[in-house]
Amino acid sequence: MKSIFLFSVLLISINSMAQDKPYYYQIPDTPATYTAATVAARLVDGLGFRYFWATEGLTENDLAFKPGNDTRTSFETLQHIDGLTKVLLNAVNKKQNAGGAAEKLSFVELRQQTLQQIKEASLILKQPNAMLEDFDMIFERGGSKQVYPFWNLINGPVADALWHVGQVVSFRRSSGNPLPTGVNVLQGIKKD
C-alpha cells in the first residue's frame, strides 16, 4: 500500500513540475471518485489554493498590518493558520498534538511549511483506503488526553483556517495590496 501512495505522490510531483508552477497555484485535479475522504481532501485543497493566493506577494508592510490594537498582525494570523494545519496533518497521520512553543520561522519558511502541511494532508486523504473514522484529533497536555472525531476537525481547525485566510485577504486589502488579479476560487485557477 505504501508503494501505491509513493507512486501517487511521484506522479503528482511530476505533473506539478510539468506545469512549472507551485503546487497550489491552481487547485489540483479532482479525485476520480467521491468518497468521504476525497471530499475532505477537496476541502483541504480549497484551503491550500486560497492560502497560496492570500499569501502570494505579501510585503513586510502587509505582514505587520493589524486593523486594531487588540488584534493579531497578518504574520501572527499566518502563524496561527500554520498551527491549525499542523493539527490537521497530525490527525491524518494519526499523531497526537502535544503543544509547545511555536517555531520561529521567516515568512517564506512559514508559508512553505504551511502549504506543505496542507498538501501532505490532502494526499493522505486521497489514498484509496483513507477512512475519516481513523483520523481523530488527539490533544495531550498536562497528562490529560482529549480525542475528537474527524467531524470536529472540519468544524474546528479546517473551518478556522479558512476563516483566518479570509482575514489575511481582508488585511492585505486594507494595507493596500489586494489579491493578485485573475484568482478564481470557484474554478480554482488563476487566469494569467
C-alpha atoms as a PDB file:
ATOM      1  CA  MET A   1       0.000   0.000   0.000  1.00  0.00           C
ATOM      2  CA  LYS A   2       2.889   2.365   0.764  1.00  0.00           C
ATOM      3  CA  SER A   3       4.267   1.811  -2.724  1.00  0.00           C
ATOM      4  CA  ILE A   4       0.933   2.865  -4.254  1.00  0.00           C
ATOM      5  CA  PHE A   5       0.945   6.024  -2.137  1.00  0.00           C
ATOM      6  CA  LEU A   6       4.555   6.828  -3.033  1.00  0.00           C
ATOM      7  CA  PHE A   7       3.834   6.203  -6.707  1.00  0.00           C
ATOM      8  CA  SER A   8       0.836   8.551  -6.486  1.00  0.00           C
ATOM      9  CA  VAL A   9       2.963  11.234  -4.829  1.00  0.00           C
ATOM     10  CA  LEU A  10       5.594  10.804  -7.542  1.00  0.00           C
ATOM     11  CA  LEU A  11       3.003  11.194 -10.305  1.00  0.00           C
ATOM     12  CA  ILE A  12       1.546  14.283  -8.674  1.00  0.00           C
ATOM     13  CA  SER A  13       5.040  15.744  -8.254  1.00  0.00           C
ATOM     14  CA  ILE A  14       5.924  15.050 -11.890  1.00  0.00           C
ATOM     15  CA  ASN A  15       2.638  16.585 -13.025  1.00  0.00           C
ATOM     16  CA  SER A  16       3.293  19.616 -10.832  1.00  0.00           C
ATOM     17  CA  MET A  17       6.816  20.020 -12.235  1.00  0.00           C
ATOM     18  CA  ALA A  18       5.498  19.666 -15.776  1.00  0.00           C
ATOM     19  CA  GLN A  19       3.207  22.599 -15.131  1.00  0.00           C
ATOM     20  CA  ASP A  20       6.228  24.568 -13.861  1.00  0.00           C
ATOM     21  CA  LYS A  21       4.011  26.222 -11.263  1.00  0.00           C
ATOM     22  CA  PRO A  22       3.862  25.759  -7.498  1.00  0.00           C
ATOM     23  CA  TYR A  23       1.501  23.060  -6.210  1.00  0.00           C
ATOM     24  CA  TYR A  24      -1.382  25.277  -5.112  1.00  0.00           C
ATOM     25  CA  TYR A  25      -1.007  27.820  -7.928  1.00  0.00           C
ATOM     26  CA  GLN A  26      -4.195  26.159  -9.080  1.00  0.00           C
ATOM     27  CA  ILE A  27      -6.369  23.666  -7.280  1.00  0.00           C
ATOM     28  CA  PRO A  28      -5.311  20.061  -8.010  1.00  0.00           C
ATOM     29  CA  ASP A  29      -7.399  17.883 -10.294  1.00  0.00           C
ATOM     30  CA  THR A  30     -10.454  16.347  -8.701  1.00  0.00           C
ATOM     31  CA  PRO A  31     -10.170  12.803  -7.382  1.00  0.00           C
ATOM     32  CA  ALA A  32     -11.632  10.088  -9.628  1.00  0.00           C
ATOM     33  CA  THR A  33     -14.313   9.105  -7.101  1.00  0.00           C
ATOM     34  CA  TYR A  34     -16.459  10.693  -4.463  1.00  0.00           C
ATOM     35  CA  THR A  35     -15.784   9.268  -1.039  1.00  0.00           C
ATOM     36  CA  ALA A  36     -15.955  10.945   2.330  1.00  0.00           C
ATOM     37  CA  ALA A  37     -12.158  11.165   2.345  1.00  0.00           C
ATOM     38  CA  THR A  38     -11.829  12.581  -1.199  1.00  0.00           C
ATOM     39  CA  VAL A  39     -14.467  15.209  -0.414  1.00  0.00           C
ATOM     40  CA  ALA A  40     -12.494  16.117   2.726  1.00  0.00           C
ATOM     41  CA  ALA A  41      -9.328  16.249   0.580  1.00  0.00           C
ATOM     42  CA  ARG A  42     -11.035  18.662  -1.801  1.00  0.00           C
ATOM     43  CA  LEU A  43     -11.941  20.890   1.138  1.00  0.00           C
ATOM     44  CA  VAL A  44      -8.291  20.821   2.197  1.00  0.00           C
ATOM     45  CA  ASP A  45      -7.183  21.606  -1.377  1.00  0.00           C
ATOM     46  CA  GLY A  46      -9.563  24.583  -1.370  1.00  0.00           C
ATOM     47  CA  LEU A  47      -7.794  25.787   1.760  1.00  0.00           C
ATOM     48  CA  GLY A  48      -4.412  25.304   0.060  1.00  0.00           C
ATOM     49  CA  PHE A  49      -5.442  27.257  -3.036  1.00  0.00           C
ATOM     50  CA  ARG A  50      -6.903  30.108  -1.009  1.00  0.00           C
ATOM     51  CA  TYR A  51      -3.886  30.208   1.330  1.00  0.00           C
ATOM     52  CA  PHE A  52      -1.477  30.226  -1.619  1.00  0.00           C
ATOM     53  CA  TRP A  53      -3.095  33.296  -3.158  1.00  0.00           C
ATOM     54  CA  ALA A  54      -3.854  35.059   0.134  1.00  0.00           C
ATOM     55  CA  THR A  55      -0.130  34.947   0.930  1.00  0.00           C
ATOM     56  CA  GLU A  56       1.326  35.440  -2.551  1.00  0.00           C
ATOM     57  CA  GLY A  57       3.235  38.714  -2.803  1.00  0.00           C
ATOM     58  CA  LEU A  58       2.767  39.831   0.793  1.00  0.00           C
ATOM     59  CA  THR A  59       5.131  42.614   1.805  1.00  0.00           C
ATOM     60  CA  GLU A  60       6.651  43.456   5.193  1.00  0.00           C
ATOM     61  CA  ASN A  61       4.025  46.199   5.449  1.00  0.00           C
ATOM     62  CA  ASP A  62       1.257  43.633   4.842  1.00  0.00           C
ATOM     63  CA  LEU A  63       2.705  41.201   7.376  1.00  0.00           C
ATOM     64  CA  ALA A  64       2.860  43.887  10.072  1.00  0.00           C
ATOM     65  CA  PHE A  65      -0.678  45.153   9.403  1.00  0.00           C
ATOM     66  CA  LYS A  66      -3.394  44.756  12.003  1.00  0.00           C
ATOM     67  CA  PRO A  67      -6.729  46.557  11.966  1.00  0.00           C
ATOM     68  CA  GLY A  68      -6.691  47.390  15.682  1.00  0.00           C
ATOM     69  CA  ASN A  69      -4.585  47.237  18.825  1.00  0.00           C
ATOM     70  CA  ASP A  70      -6.340  44.138  20.172  1.00  0.00           C
ATOM     71  CA  THR A  71      -5.945  42.003  17.035  1.00  0.00           C
ATOM     72  CA  ARG A  72      -3.223  39.861  15.506  1.00  0.00           C
ATOM     73  CA  THR A  73      -0.982  41.106  12.731  1.00  0.00           C
ATOM     74  CA  SER A  74      -1.215  39.332   9.400  1.00  0.00           C
ATOM     75  CA  PHE A  75       2.006  37.476  10.242  1.00  0.00           C
ATOM     76  CA  GLU A  76       0.630  36.357  13.610  1.00  0.00           C
ATOM     77  CA  THR A  77      -2.521  35.196  11.817  1.00  0.00           C
ATOM     78  CA  LEU A  78      -0.358  33.176   9.408  1.00  0.00           C
ATOM     79  CA  GLN A  79       1.411  31.599  12.381  1.00  0.00           C
ATOM     80  CA  HIS A  80      -1.993  30.607  13.768  1.00  0.00           C
ATOM     81  CA  ILE A  81      -3.011  29.091  10.410  1.00  0.00           C
ATOM     82  CA  ASP A  82       0.227  27.109  10.421  1.00  0.00           C
ATOM     83  CA  GLY A  83      -0.662  25.693  13.829  1.00  0.00           C
ATOM     84  CA  LEU A  84      -4.133  24.732  12.596  1.00  0.00           C
ATOM     85  CA  THR A  85      -2.684  22.932   9.573  1.00  0.00           C
ATOM     86  CA  LYS A  86      -0.302  21.061  11.900  1.00  0.00           C
ATOM     87  CA  VAL A  87      -3.335  19.789  13.818  1.00  0.00           C
ATOM     88  CA  LEU A  88      -4.874  18.685  10.502  1.00  0.00           C
ATOM     89  CA  LEU A  89      -1.713  16.912   9.390  1.00  0.00           C
ATOM     90  CA  ASN A  90      -1.250  15.243  12.768  1.00  0.00           C
ATOM     91  CA  ALA A  91      -4.822  13.935  12.650  1.00  0.00           C
ATOM     92  CA  VAL A  92      -4.463  12.326   9.234  1.00  0.00           C
ATOM     93  CA  ASN A  93      -1.061  10.951  10.281  1.00  0.00           C
ATOM     94  CA  LYS A  94      -2.704   9.524  13.434  1.00  0.00           C
ATOM     95  CA  LYS A  95      -0.397  11.558  15.680  1.00  0.00           C
ATOM     96  CA  GLN A  96      -1.259  13.498  18.775  1.00  0.00           C
ATOM     97  CA  ASN A  97      -0.845  17.219  19.284  1.00  0.00           C
ATOM     98  CA  ALA A  98       1.350  17.895  22.278  1.00  0.00           C
ATOM     99  CA  GLY A  99       1.511  21.676  22.082  1.00  0.00           C
ATOM    100  CA  GLY A 100       4.710  23.515  22.793  1.00  0.00           C
ATOM    101  CA  ALA A 101       6.366  26.682  21.614  1.00  0.00           C
ATOM    102  CA  ALA A 102       5.902  27.722  18.007  1.00  0.00           C
ATOM    103  CA  GLU A 103       8.901  27.623  15.703  1.00  0.00           C
ATOM    104  CA  LYS A 104      10.446  30.957  14.796  1.00  0.00           C
ATOM    105  CA  LEU A 105      10.267  30.977  11.025  1.00  0.00           C
ATOM    106  CA  SER A 106      10.596  33.678   8.423  1.00  0.00           C
ATOM    107  CA  PHE A 107       7.534  34.458   6.337  1.00  0.00           C
ATOM    108  CA  VAL A 108       8.931  32.466   3.404  1.00  0.00           C
ATOM    109  CA  GLU A 109       9.667  29.445   5.623  1.00  0.00           C
ATOM    110  CA  LEU A 110       6.292  29.684   7.358  1.00  0.00           C
ATOM    111  CA  ARG A 111       4.410  29.910   4.057  1.00  0.00           C
ATOM    112  CA  GLN A 112       6.304  26.954   2.594  1.00  0.00           C
ATOM    113  CA  GLN A 113       5.747  24.838   5.714  1.00  0.00           C
ATOM    114  CA  THR A 114       2.023  25.610   5.868  1.00  0.00           C
ATOM    115  CA  LEU A 115       1.483  24.832   2.183  1.00  0.00           C
ATOM    116  CA  GLN A 116       3.431  21.576   2.573  1.00  0.00           C
ATOM    117  CA  GLN A 117       1.333  20.537   5.578  1.00  0.00           C
ATOM    118  CA  ILE A 118      -1.866  21.211   3.641  1.00  0.00           C
ATOM    119  CA  LYS A 119      -0.584  19.281   0.625  1.00  0.00           C
ATOM    120  CA  GLU A 120       0.508  16.263   2.700  1.00  0.00           C
ATOM    121  CA  ALA A 121      -2.837  16.124   4.497  1.00  0.00           C
ATOM    122  CA  SER A 122      -4.681  16.221   1.176  1.00  0.00           C
ATOM    123  CA  LEU A 123      -2.546  13.445  -0.318  1.00  0.00           C
ATOM    124  CA  ILE A 124      -3.192  11.201   2.692  1.00  0.00           C
ATOM    125  CA  LEU A 125      -6.936  11.819   2.428  1.00  0.00           C
ATOM    126  CA  LYS A 126      -6.810  10.862  -1.264  1.00  0.00           C
ATOM    127  CA  GLN A 127      -5.362   7.416  -0.535  1.00  0.00           C
ATOM    128  CA  PRO A 128      -7.782   4.672  -1.636  1.00  0.00           C
ATOM    129  CA  ASN A 129      -8.031   3.193   1.860  1.00  0.00           C
ATOM    130  CA  ALA A 130      -8.467   6.516   3.706  1.00  0.00           C
ATOM    131  CA  MET A 131     -11.274   6.357   6.259  1.00  0.00           C
ATOM    132  CA  LEU A 132     -12.217   9.514   8.133  1.00  0.00           C
ATOM    133  CA  GLU A 133     -13.124   7.407  11.154  1.00  0.00           C
ATOM    134  CA  ASP A 134      -9.384   6.681  11.505  1.00  0.00           C
ATOM    135  CA  PHE A 135      -8.343  10.332  11.677  1.00  0.00           C
ATOM    136  CA  ASP A 136      -9.105  11.517  15.181  1.00  0.00           C
ATOM    137  CA  MET A 137      -7.783  14.786  16.549  1.00  0.00           C
ATOM    138  CA  ILE A 138      -5.822  13.958  19.677  1.00  0.00           C
ATOM    139  CA  PHE A 139      -4.592  16.532  22.188  1.00  0.00           C
ATOM    140  CA  GLU A 140      -2.351  15.645  25.106  1.00  0.00           C
ATOM    141  CA  ARG A 141      -1.452  18.334  27.606  1.00  0.00           C
ATOM    142  CA  GLY A 142      -0.514  18.105  31.241  1.00  0.00           C
ATOM    143  CA  GLY A 143      -1.156  14.375  31.449  1.00  0.00           C
ATOM    144  CA  SER A 144      -4.686  14.813  30.084  1.00  0.00           C
ATOM    145  CA  LYS A 145      -5.741  13.369  26.736  1.00  0.00           C
ATOM    146  CA  GLN A 146      -8.699  14.518  24.636  1.00  0.00           C
ATOM    147  CA  VAL A 147      -9.815  12.752  21.476  1.00  0.00           C
ATOM    148  CA  TYR A 148     -12.182  14.254  18.895  1.00  0.00           C
ATOM    149  CA  PRO A 149     -13.541  12.638  15.721  1.00  0.00           C
ATOM    150  CA  PHE A 150     -12.851  13.983  12.239  1.00  0.00           C
ATOM    151  CA  TRP A 151     -16.146  15.901  12.396  1.00  0.00           C
ATOM    152  CA  ASN A 152     -14.549  18.256  14.907  1.00  0.00           C
ATOM    153  CA  LEU A 153     -11.501  18.642  12.697  1.00  0.00           C
ATOM    154  CA  ILE A 154     -13.788  20.011   9.958  1.00  0.00           C
ATOM    155  CA  ASN A 155     -15.728  22.488  12.078  1.00  0.00           C
ATOM    156  CA  GLY A 156     -12.672  23.316  14.197  1.00  0.00           C
ATOM    157  CA  PRO A 157      -9.191  23.685  12.666  1.00  0.00           C
ATOM    158  CA  VAL A 158     -10.139  23.410   8.963  1.00  0.00           C
ATOM    159  CA  ALA A 159     -13.013  25.909   9.151  1.00  0.00           C
ATOM    160  CA  ASP A 160     -10.928  28.147  11.415  1.00  0.00           C
ATOM    161  CA  ALA A 161      -8.030  28.101   8.942  1.00  0.00           C
ATOM    162  CA  LEU A 162     -10.395  29.089   6.105  1.00  0.00           C
ATOM    163  CA  TRP A 163     -11.785  31.871   8.288  1.00  0.00           C
ATOM    164  CA  HIS A 164      -8.302  33.221   9.010  1.00  0.00           C
ATOM    165  CA  VAL A 165      -7.240  33.028   5.366  1.00  0.00           C
ATOM    166  CA  GLY A 166     -10.170  35.346   4.695  1.00  0.00           C
ATOM    167  CA  GLN A 167      -8.817  37.688   7.366  1.00  0.00           C
ATOM    168  CA  VAL A 168      -5.421  37.750   5.662  1.00  0.00           C
ATOM    169  CA  VAL A 169      -7.139  38.674   2.379  1.00  0.00           C
ATOM    170  CA  SER A 170      -9.045  41.454   4.133  1.00  0.00           C
ATOM    171  CA  PHE A 171      -5.928  42.684   5.938  1.00  0.00           C
ATOM    172  CA  ARG A 172      -3.870  42.805   2.745  1.00  0.00           C
ATOM    173  CA  ARG A 173      -6.604  44.806   1.027  1.00  0.00           C
ATOM    174  CA  SER A 174      -6.623  47.207   3.976  1.00  0.00           C
ATOM    175  CA  SER A 175      -2.846  47.593   3.769  1.00  0.00           C
ATOM    176  CA  GLY A 176      -3.110  48.469   0.059  1.00  0.00           C
ATOM    177  CA  ASN A 177      -2.131  45.131  -1.523  1.00  0.00           C
ATOM    178  CA  PRO A 178      -5.222  43.297  -2.812  1.00  0.00           C
ATOM    179  CA  LEU A 179      -5.148  39.728  -4.131  1.00  0.00           C
ATOM    180  CA  PRO A 180      -3.429  39.276  -7.473  1.00  0.00           C
ATOM    181  CA  THR A 181      -5.869  39.741 -10.337  1.00  0.00           C
ATOM    182  CA  GLY A 182      -7.299  36.675 -12.027  1.00  0.00           C
ATOM    183  CA  VAL A 183      -7.658  34.431  -8.942  1.00  0.00           C
ATOM    184  CA  ASN A 184     -10.916  32.488  -9.362  1.00  0.00           C
ATOM    185  CA  VAL A 185     -11.791  30.480  -6.248  1.00  0.00           C
ATOM    186  CA  LEU A 186     -14.878  28.917  -7.872  1.00  0.00           C
ATOM    187  CA  GLN A 187     -12.803  27.304 -10.625  1.00  0.00           C
ATOM    188  CA  GLY A 188      -9.624  27.021  -8.577  1.00  0.00           C
ATOM    189  CA  ILE A 189      -7.485  28.739 -11.195  1.00  0.00           C
ATOM    190  CA  LYS A 190      -5.593  31.943 -11.776  1.00  0.00           C
ATOM    191  CA  LYS A 191      -6.138  33.487 -15.139  1.00  0.00           C
ATOM    192  CA  ASP A 192      -2.824  34.902 -16.329  1.00  0.00           C
END
